């Protein structure tokens, strides 16, 4: 499912126009991305949580040359599925 198909589904379920559903979905995604980029954790009960996670500096290899190189530390976004979401997928 892509964003357009998700917008169609949301507009159906929420009984709103596709334009309203697009604005709602875009605003929600933007709010989640802003919060996580500022270091906050966003928890949607039953669905899951989004949070920033720190990755330590580590050693890697250049696949072309095999040369050892240092991969710098960074912060990455992470998603953890909630209990209800996990149960729905596992059935």
PDB file of N, CA and C in Angstrom:
ATOM      1  N   UNK A   1       0.854  -1.177   0.000  1.00  0.00           N
ATOM      2  CA  UNK A   1       0.000   0.000   0.000  1.00  0.00           C
ATOM      3  C   UNK A   1       0.901   1.241   0.000  1.00  0.00           C
ATOM      4  N   UNK A   2       0.620   2.150  -0.911  1.00  0.00           N
ATOM      5  CA  UNK A   2       1.370   3.403  -0.939  1.00  0.00           C
ATOM      6  C   UNK A   2       0.548   4.511  -0.282  1.00  0.00           C
ATOM      7  N   UNK A   3       1.108   5.723  -0.247  1.00  0.00           N
ATOM      8  CA  UNK A   3       0.436   6.823   0.451  1.00  0.00           C
ATOM      9  C   UNK A   3      -0.930   7.134  -0.164  1.00  0.00           C
ATOM     10  N   UNK A   4      -1.027   7.092  -1.477  1.00  0.00           N
ATOM     11  CA  UNK A   4      -2.310   7.368  -2.136  1.00  0.00           C
ATOM     12  C   UNK A   4      -3.383   6.369  -1.752  1.00  0.00           C
ATOM     13  N   UNK A   5      -3.009   5.102  -1.712  1.00  0.00           N
ATOM     14  CA  UNK A   5      -3.969   4.060  -1.314  1.00  0.00           C
ATOM     15  C   UNK A   5      -4.353   4.210   0.156  1.00  0.00           C
ATOM     16  N   UNK A   6      -3.393   4.601   0.989  1.00  0.00           N
ATOM     17  CA  UNK A   6      -3.687   4.832   2.409  1.00  0.00           C
ATOM     18  C   UNK A   6      -4.647   6.002   2.573  1.00  0.00           C
ATOM     19  N   UNK A   7      -4.442   7.049   1.801  1.00  0.00           N
ATOM     20  CA  UNK A   7      -5.344   8.209   1.845  1.00  0.00           C
ATOM     21  C   UNK A   7      -6.747   7.790   1.444  1.00  0.00           C
ATOM     22  N   UNK A   8      -6.887   6.968   0.405  1.00  0.00           N
ATOM     23  CA  UNK A   8      -8.197   6.464  -0.011  1.00  0.00           C
ATOM     24  C   UNK A   8      -8.871   5.707   1.130  1.00  0.00           C
ATOM     25  N   UNK A   9      -8.114   4.836   1.790  1.00  0.00           N
ATOM     26  CA  UNK A   9      -8.653   4.015   2.880  1.00  0.00           C
ATOM     27  C   UNK A   9      -9.080   4.883   4.067  1.00  0.00           C
ATOM     28  N   UNK A  10      -8.240   5.866   4.425  1.00  0.00           N
ATOM     29  CA  UNK A  10      -8.559   6.762   5.543  1.00  0.00           C
ATOM     30  C   UNK A  10      -9.802   7.583   5.224  1.00  0.00           C
ATOM     31  N   UNK A  11      -9.906   8.086   4.002  1.00  0.00           N
ATOM     32  CA  UNK A  11     -11.074   8.900   3.640  1.00  0.00           C
ATOM     33  C   UNK A  11     -12.356   8.073   3.702  1.00  0.00           C
ATOM     34  N   UNK A  12     -12.255   6.799   3.328  1.00  0.00           N
ATOM     35  CA  UNK A  12     -13.409   5.889   3.423  1.00  0.00           C
ATOM     36  C   UNK A  12     -13.817   5.658   4.871  1.00  0.00           C
ATOM     37  N   UNK A  13     -12.844   5.273   5.700  1.00  0.00           N
ATOM     38  CA  UNK A  13     -13.125   4.913   7.093  1.00  0.00           C
ATOM     39  C   UNK A  13     -13.568   6.104   7.930  1.00  0.00           C
ATOM     40  N   UNK A  14     -13.009   7.288   7.652  1.00  0.00           N
ATOM     41  CA  UNK A  14     -13.322   8.474   8.457  1.00  0.00           C
ATOM     42  C   UNK A  14     -14.439   9.314   7.844  1.00  0.00           C
ATOM     43  N   UNK A  15     -14.977   8.858   6.703  1.00  0.00           N
ATOM     44  CA  UNK A  15     -16.059   9.569   6.029  1.00  0.00           C
ATOM     45  C   UNK A  15     -15.687  11.035   5.769  1.00  0.00           C
ATOM     46  N   UNK A  16     -14.536  11.218   5.109  1.00  0.00           N
ATOM     47  CA  UNK A  16     -14.079  12.562   4.744  1.00  0.00           C
ATOM     48  C   UNK A  16     -13.584  12.536   3.312  1.00  0.00           C
ATOM     49  N   UNK A  17     -13.355  13.711   2.757  1.00  0.00           N
ATOM     50  CA  UNK A  17     -12.869  13.766   1.381  1.00  0.00           C
ATOM     51  C   UNK A  17     -11.411  13.298   1.331  1.00  0.00           C
ATOM     52  N   UNK A  18     -10.979  12.940   0.128  1.00  0.00           N
ATOM     53  CA  UNK A  18      -9.586  12.506  -0.037  1.00  0.00           C
ATOM     54  C   UNK A  18      -8.626  13.651   0.268  1.00  0.00           C
ATOM     55  N   UNK A  19      -9.031  14.864  -0.072  1.00  0.00           N
ATOM     56  CA  UNK A  19      -8.185  16.037   0.199  1.00  0.00           C
ATOM     57  C   UNK A  19      -8.020  16.223   1.709  1.00  0.00           C
ATOM     58  N   UNK A  20      -9.105  16.080   2.463  1.00  0.00           N
ATOM     59  CA  UNK A  20      -9.032  16.205   3.923  1.00  0.00           C
ATOM     60  C   UNK A  20      -8.176  15.086   4.518  1.00  0.00           C
ATOM     61  N   UNK A  21      -8.348  13.874   4.004  1.00  0.00           N
ATOM     62  CA  UNK A  21      -7.570  12.731   4.497  1.00  0.00           C
ATOM     63  C   UNK A  21      -6.089  12.929   4.201  1.00  0.00           C
ATOM     64  N   UNK A  22      -5.771  13.469   3.023  1.00  0.00           N
ATOM     65  CA  UNK A  22      -4.378  13.742   2.663  1.00  0.00           C
ATOM     66  C   UNK A  22      -3.781  14.766   3.618  1.00  0.00           C
ATOM     67  N   UNK A  23      -4.508  15.840   3.892  1.00  0.00           N
ATOM     68  CA  UNK A  23      -4.023  16.873   4.812  1.00  0.00           C
ATOM     69  C   UNK A  23      -3.818  16.297   6.205  1.00  0.00           C
ATOM     70  N   UNK A  24      -4.751  15.469   6.659  1.00  0.00           N
ATOM     71  CA  UNK A  24      -4.665  14.858   7.985  1.00  0.00           C
ATOM     72  C   UNK A  24      -3.457  13.928   8.087  1.00  0.00           C
ATOM     73  N   UNK A  25      -3.307  13.063   7.111  1.00  0.00           N
ATOM     74  CA  UNK A  25      -2.204  12.104   7.120  1.00  0.00           C
ATOM     75  C   UNK A  25      -0.848  12.813   7.019  1.00  0.00           C
ATOM     76  N   UNK A  26      -0.758  13.787   6.138  1.00  0.00           N
ATOM     77  CA  UNK A  26       0.484  14.543   5.978  1.00  0.00           C
ATOM     78  C   UNK A  26       0.843  15.279   7.262  1.00  0.00           C
ATOM     79  N   UNK A  27      -0.147  15.903   7.909  1.00  0.00           N
ATOM     80  CA  UNK A  27       0.099  16.622   9.156  1.00  0.00           C
ATOM     81  C   UNK A  27       0.554  15.669  10.261  1.00  0.00           C
ATOM     82  N   UNK A  28      -0.059  14.492  10.343  1.00  0.00           N
ATOM     83  CA  UNK A  28       0.315  13.516  11.369  1.00  0.00           C
ATOM     84  C   UNK A  28       1.741  13.014  11.152  1.00  0.00           C
ATOM     85  N   UNK A  29       2.074  12.693   9.918  1.00  0.00           N
ATOM     86  CA  UNK A  29       3.428  12.215   9.610  1.00  0.00           C
ATOM     87  C   UNK A  29       4.455  13.304   9.894  1.00  0.00           C
ATOM     88  N   UNK A  30       4.155  14.531   9.485  1.00  0.00           N
ATOM     89  CA  UNK A  30       5.076  15.649   9.741  1.00  0.00           C
ATOM     90  C   UNK A  30       5.293  15.856  11.239  1.00  0.00           C
ATOM     91  N   UNK A  31       4.208  15.783  12.019  1.00  0.00           N
ATOM     92  CA  UNK A  31       4.310  15.974  13.465  1.00  0.00           C
ATOM     93  C   UNK A  31       5.169  14.878  14.102  1.00  0.00           C
ATOM     94  N   UNK A  32       5.000  13.642  13.656  1.00  0.00           N
ATOM     95  CA  UNK A  32       5.802  12.530  14.181  1.00  0.00           C
ATOM     96  C   UNK A  32       7.270  12.728  13.817  1.00  0.00           C
ATOM     97  N   UNK A  33       7.551  13.072  12.562  1.00  0.00           N
ATOM     98  CA  UNK A  33       8.944  13.262  12.134  1.00  0.00           C
ATOM     99  C   UNK A  33       9.607  14.412  12.892  1.00  0.00           C
ATOM    100  N   UNK A  34       8.884  15.517  13.101  1.00  0.00           N
ATOM    101  CA  UNK A  34       9.436  16.651  13.845  1.00  0.00           C
ATOM    102  C   UNK A  34       9.757  16.263  15.281  1.00  0.00           C
ATOM    103  N   UNK A  35       8.826  15.573  15.929  1.00  0.00           N
ATOM    104  CA  UNK A  35       9.029  15.187  17.328  1.00  0.00           C
ATOM    105  C   UNK A  35      10.229  14.253  17.471  1.00  0.00           C
ATOM    106  N   UNK A  36      10.324  13.254  16.608  1.00  0.00           N
ATOM    107  CA  UNK A  36      11.431  12.290  16.688  1.00  0.00           C
ATOM    108  C   UNK A  36      12.755  12.978  16.363  1.00  0.00           C
ATOM    109  N   UNK A  37      12.760  13.889  15.392  1.00  0.00           N
ATOM    110  CA  UNK A  37      14.001  14.584  15.037  1.00  0.00           C
ATOM    111  C   UNK A  37      14.465  15.509  16.159  1.00  0.00           C
ATOM    112  N   UNK A  38      13.537  15.934  17.027  1.00  0.00           N
ATOM    113  CA  UNK A  38      13.896  16.768  18.176  1.00  0.00           C
ATOM    114  C   UNK A  38      14.270  15.930  19.394  1.00  0.00           C
ATOM    115  N   UNK A  39      14.254  14.599  19.239  1.00  0.00           N
ATOM    116  CA  UNK A  39      14.675  13.723  20.332  1.00  0.00           C
ATOM    117  C   UNK A  39      13.544  13.170  21.182  1.00  0.00           C
ATOM    118  N   UNK A  40      12.302  13.442  20.813  1.00  0.00           N
ATOM    119  CA  UNK A  40      11.147  12.955  21.575  1.00  0.00           C
ATOM    120  C   UNK A  40      10.705  11.579  21.096  1.00  0.00           C
ATOM    121  N   UNK A  41      10.004  10.880  21.967  1.00  0.00           N
ATOM    122  CA  UNK A  41       9.410   9.589  21.621  1.00  0.00           C
ATOM    123  C   UNK A  41       7.914   9.816  21.397  1.00  0.00           C
ATOM    124  N   UNK A  42       7.375   9.249  20.329  1.00  0.00           N
ATOM    125  CA  UNK A  42       5.944   9.367  20.023  1.00  0.00           C
ATOM    126  C   UNK A  42       5.325   7.991  20.178  1.00  0.00           C
ATOM    127  N   UNK A  43       4.363   7.863  21.101  1.00  0.00           N
ATOM    128  CA  UNK A  43       3.712   6.587  21.358  1.00  0.00           C
ATOM    129  C   UNK A  43       2.248   6.662  20.965  1.00  0.00           C
ATOM    130  N   UNK A  44       1.828   5.747  20.111  1.00  0.00           N
ATOM    131  CA  UNK A  44       0.431   5.618  19.706  1.00  0.00           C
ATOM    132  C   UNK A  44      -0.041   4.274  20.258  1.00  0.00           C
ATOM    133  N   UNK A  45      -0.786   4.317  21.350  1.00  0.00           N
ATOM    134  CA  UNK A  45      -1.189   3.108  22.065  1.00  0.00           C
ATOM    135  C   UNK A  45      -1.875   2.130  21.124  1.00  0.00           C
ATOM    136  N   UNK A  46      -1.415   0.886  21.153  1.00  0.00           N
ATOM    137  CA  UNK A  46      -1.958  -0.167  20.308  1.00  0.00           C
ATOM    138  C   UNK A  46      -1.248  -0.274  18.970  1.00  0.00           C
ATOM    139  N   UNK A  47      -0.728   0.847  18.463  1.00  0.00           N
ATOM    140  CA  UNK A  47      -0.050   0.844  17.169  1.00  0.00           C
ATOM    141  C   UNK A  47       1.452   0.664  17.329  1.00  0.00           C
ATOM    142  N   UNK A  48       2.070   1.531  18.114  1.00  0.00           N
ATOM    143  CA  UNK A  48       3.507   1.421  18.317  1.00  0.00           C
ATOM    144  C   UNK A  48       4.117   2.746  18.712  1.00  0.00           C
ATOM    145  N   UNK A  49       5.447   2.774  18.733  1.00  0.00           N
ATOM    146  CA  UNK A  49       6.128   4.011  19.109  1.00  0.00           C
ATOM    147  C   UNK A  49       7.291   4.290  18.162  1.00  0.00           C
ATOM    148  N   UNK A  50       7.518   5.567  17.956  1.00  0.00           N
ATOM    149  CA  UNK A  50       8.613   6.061  17.134  1.00  0.00           C
ATOM    150  C   UNK A  50       9.576   6.768  18.073  1.00  0.00           C
ATOM    151  N   UNK A  51      10.874   6.522  17.898  1.00  0.00           N
ATOM    152  CA  UNK A  51      11.849   7.176  18.758  1.00  0.00           C
ATOM    153  C   UNK A  51      13.194   7.265  18.060  1.00  0.00           C
ATOM    154  N   UNK A  52      14.020   8.229  18.483  1.00  0.00           N
ATOM    155  CA  UNK A  52      15.373   8.285  17.941  1.00  0.00           C
ATOM    156  C   UNK A  52      16.262   7.302  18.703  1.00  0.00           C
ATOM    157  N   UNK A  53      17.158   6.629  17.996  1.00  0.00           N
ATOM    158  CA  UNK A  53      18.100   5.714  18.642  1.00  0.00           C
ATOM    159  C   UNK A  53      19.511   6.073  18.199  1.00  0.00           C
ATOM    160  N   UNK A  54      20.429   6.010  19.148  1.00  0.00           N
ATOM    161  CA  UNK A  54      21.824   6.304  18.850  1.00  0.00           C
ATOM    162  C   UNK A  54      22.535   5.052  18.390  1.00  0.00           C
ATOM    163  N   UNK A  55      23.295   5.192  17.320  1.00  0.00           N
ATOM    164  CA  UNK A  55      24.158   4.111  16.838  1.00  0.00           C
ATOM    165  C   UNK A  55      25.587   4.498  17.163  1.00  0.00           C
ATOM    166  N   UNK A  56      26.321   3.584  17.756  1.00  0.00           N
ATOM    167  CA  UNK A  56      27.704   3.849  18.102  1.00  0.00           C
ATOM    168  C   UNK A  56      28.578   3.826  16.854  1.00  0.00           C
ATOM    169  N   UNK A  57      29.739   4.438  16.983  1.00  0.00           N
ATOM    170  CA  UNK A  57      30.723   4.359  15.907  1.00  0.00           C
ATOM    171  C   UNK A  57      31.149   2.904  15.767  1.00  0.00           C
ATOM    172  N   UNK A  58      31.340   2.449  14.536  1.00  0.00           N
ATOM    173  CA  UNK A  58      31.716   1.058  14.341  1.00  0.00           C
ATOM    174  C   UNK A  58      32.624   0.908  13.130  1.00  0.00           C
ATOM    175  N   UNK A  59      33.205  -0.246  13.028  1.00  0.00           N
ATOM    176  CA  UNK A  59      34.096  -0.542  11.929  1.00  0.00           C
ATOM    177  C   UNK A  59      33.311  -1.215  10.810  1.00  0.00           C
ATOM    178  N   UNK A  60      33.594  -0.824   9.596  1.00  0.00           N
ATOM    179  CA  UNK A  60      32.951  -1.446   8.445  1.00  0.00           C
ATOM    180  C   UNK A  60      33.981  -1.691   7.359  1.00  0.00           C
ATOM    181  N   UNK A  61      33.519  -2.259   6.272  1.00  0.00           N
ATOM    182  CA  UNK A  61      34.417  -2.524   5.144  1.00  0.00           C
ATOM    183  C   UNK A  61      33.817  -1.964   3.870  1.00  0.00           C
ATOM    184  N   UNK A  62      34.696  -1.423   3.031  1.00  0.00           N
ATOM    185  CA  UNK A  62      34.291  -0.973   1.708  1.00  0.00           C
ATOM    186  C   UNK A  62      34.086  -2.237   0.871  1.00  0.00           C
ATOM    187  N   UNK A  63      32.871  -2.491   0.368  1.00  0.00           N
ATOM    188  CA  UNK A  63      32.622  -3.731  -0.367  1.00  0.00           C
ATOM    189  C   UNK A  63      33.454  -3.877  -1.647  1.00  0.00           C
ATOM    190  N   UNK A  64      33.838  -2.766  -2.268  1.00  0.00           N
ATOM    191  CA  UNK A  64      34.638  -2.838  -3.495  1.00  0.00           C
ATOM    192  C   UNK A  64      36.082  -3.231  -3.218  1.00  0.00           C
ATOM    193  N   UNK A  65      36.682  -2.543  -2.220  1.00  0.00           N
ATOM    194  CA  UNK A  65      38.116  -2.733  -1.984  1.00  0.00           C
ATOM    195  C   UNK A  65      38.422  -3.634  -0.796  1.00  0.00           C
ATOM    196  N   UNK A  66      37.441  -3.828   0.081  1.00  0.00           N
ATOM    197  CA  UNK A  66      37.681  -4.617   1.292  1.00  0.00           C
ATOM    198  C   UNK A  66      38.396  -3.816   2.367  1.00  0.00           C
ATOM    199  N   UNK A  67      38.642  -2.534   2.091  1.00  0.00           N
ATOM    200  CA  UNK A  67      39.350  -1.663   3.030  1.00  0.00           C
ATOM    201  C   UNK A  67      38.508  -1.417   4.284  1.00  0.00           C
ATOM    202  N   UNK A  68      39.157  -1.497   5.455  1.00  0.00           N
ATOM    203  CA  UNK A  68      38.483  -1.244   6.735  1.00  0.00           C
ATOM    204  C   UNK A  68      38.292   0.262   6.883  1.00  0.00           C
ATOM    205  N   UNK A  69      37.101   0.666   7.325  1.00  0.00           N
ATOM    206  CA  UNK A  69      36.816   2.085   7.521  1.00  0.00           C
ATOM    207  C   UNK A  69      35.963   2.277   8.750  1.00  0.00           C
ATOM    208  N   UNK A  70      35.994   3.453   9.322  1.00  0.00           N
ATOM    209  CA  UNK A  70      35.184   3.773  10.495  1.00  0.00           C
ATOM    210  C   UNK A  70      33.852   4.364  10.030  1.00  0.00           C
ATOM    211  N   UNK A  71      32.772   3.830  10.549  1.00  0.00           N
ATOM    212  CA  UNK A  71      31.446   4.373  10.277  1.00  0.00           C
ATOM    213  C   UNK A  71      31.107   5.234  11.488  1.00  0.00           C
ATOM    214  N   UNK A  72      30.869   6.528  11.289  1.00  0.00           N
ATOM    215  CA  UNK A  72      30.662   7.427  12.429  1.00  0.00           C
ATOM    216  C   UNK A  72      29.366   7.144  13.195  1.00  0.00           C
ATOM    217  N   UNK A  73      29.338   7.585  14.444  1.00  0.00           N
ATOM    218  CA  UNK A  73      28.129   7.468  15.271  1.00  0.00           C
ATOM    219  C   UNK A  73      27.047   8.351  14.664  1.00  0.00           C
ATOM    220  N   UNK A  74      25.815   7.923  14.808  1.00  0.00           N
ATOM    221  CA  UNK A  74      24.690   8.682  14.260  1.00  0.00           C
ATOM    222  C   UNK A  74      23.422   8.377  15.042  1.00  0.00           C
ATOM    223  N   UNK A  75      22.409   9.176  14.828  1.00  0.00           N
ATOM    224  CA  UNK A  75      21.095   8.943  15.421  1.00  0.00           C
ATOM    225  C   UNK A  75      20.149   8.571  14.292  1.00  0.00           C
ATOM    226  N   UNK A  76      19.380   7.493  14.490  1.00  0.00           N
ATOM    227  CA  UNK A  76      18.459   7.013  13.466  1.00  0.00           C
ATOM    228  C   UNK A  76      17.050   6.889  14.034  1.00  0.00           C
ATOM    229  N   UNK A  77      16.022   7.030  13.186  1.00  0.00           N
ATOM    230  CA  UNK A  77      14.656   6.815  13.664  1.00  0.00           C
ATOM    231  C   UNK A  77      14.386   5.318  13.811  1.00  0.00           C
ATOM    232  N   UNK A  78      13.573   4.958  14.811  1.00  0.00           N
ATOM    233  CA  UNK A  78      13.225   3.551  15.027  1.00  0.00           C
ATOM    234  C   UNK A  78      11.736   3.441  15.340  1.00  0.00           C
ATOM    235  N   UNK A  79      11.147   2.325  14.927  1.00  0.00           N
ATOM    236  CA  UNK A  79       9.733   2.060  15.201  1.00  0.00           C
ATOM    237  C   UNK A  79       9.631   0.733  15.930  1.00  0.00           C
ATOM    238  N   UNK A  80       8.849   0.709  16.995  1.00  0.00           N
ATOM    239  CA  UNK A  80       8.562  -0.530  17.723  1.00  0.00           C
ATOM    240  C   UNK A  80       7.056  -0.743  17.672  1.00  0.00           C
ATOM    241  N   UNK A  81       6.634  -1.868  17.144  1.00  0.00           N
ATOM    242  CA  UNK A  81       5.203  -2.162  17.033  1.00  0.00           C
ATOM    243  C   UNK A  81       4.601  -2.412  18.406  1.00  0.00           C
ATOM    244  N   UNK A  82       3.361  -1.956  18.594  1.00  0.00           N
ATOM    245  CA  UNK A  82       2.640  -2.172  19.841  1.00  0.00           C
ATOM    246  C   UNK A  82       2.053  -3.575  19.894  1.00  0.00           C
ATOM    247  N   UNK A  83       1.579  -3.945  21.068  1.00  0.00           N
ATOM    248  CA  UNK A  83       1.061  -5.293  21.301  1.00  0.00           C
ATOM    249  C   UNK A  83      -0.099  -5.639  20.358  1.00  0.00           C
ATOM    250  N   UNK A  84      -1.063  -4.750  20.240  1.00  0.00           N
ATOM    251  CA  UNK A  84      -2.229  -5.006  19.385  1.00  0.00           C
ATOM    252  C   UNK A  84      -1.809  -5.179  17.923  1.00  0.00           C
ATOM    253  N   UNK A  85      -0.890  -4.336  17.462  1.00  0.00           N
ATOM    254  CA  UNK A  85      -0.390  -4.413  16.083  1.00  0.00           C
ATOM    255  C   UNK A  85       0.315  -5.750  15.863  1.00  0.00           C
ATOM    256  N   UNK A  86       1.156  -6.149  16.786  1.00  0.00           N
ATOM    257  CA  UNK A  86       1.867  -7.432  16.672  1.00  0.00           C
ATOM    258  C   UNK A  86       0.891  -8.597  16.626  1.00  0.00           C
ATOM    259  N   UNK A  87      -0.149  -8.545  17.471  1.00  0.00           N
ATOM    260  CA  UNK A  87      -1.138  -9.624  17.505  1.00  0.00           C
ATOM    261  C   UNK A  87      -1.909  -9.703  16.182  1.00  0.00           C
ATOM    262  N   UNK A  88      -2.262  -8.547  15.609  1.00  0.00           N
ATOM    263  CA  UNK A  88      -3.013  -8.554  14.334  1.00  0.00           C
ATOM    264  C   UNK A  88      -2.172  -9.142  13.212  1.00  0.00           C
ATOM    265  N   UNK A  89      -0.892  -8.813  13.179  1.00  0.00           N
ATOM    266  CA  UNK A  89      -0.019  -9.302  12.114  1.00  0.00           C
ATOM    267  C   UNK A  89       0.260 -10.792  12.264  1.00  0.00           C
ATOM    268  N   UNK A  90       0.376 -11.273  13.492  1.00  0.00           N
ATOM    269  CA  UNK A  90       0.744 -12.679  13.714  1.00  0.00           C
ATOM    270  C   UNK A  90      -0.410 -13.651  13.452  1.00  0.00           C
ATOM    271  N   UNK A  91      -1.633 -13.157  13.315  1.00  0.00           N
ATOM    272  CA  UNK A  91      -2.772 -14.061  13.090  1.00  0.00           C
ATOM    273  C   UNK A  91      -2.902 -14.452  11.649  1.00  0.00           C
TER     274      UNK A  91
END
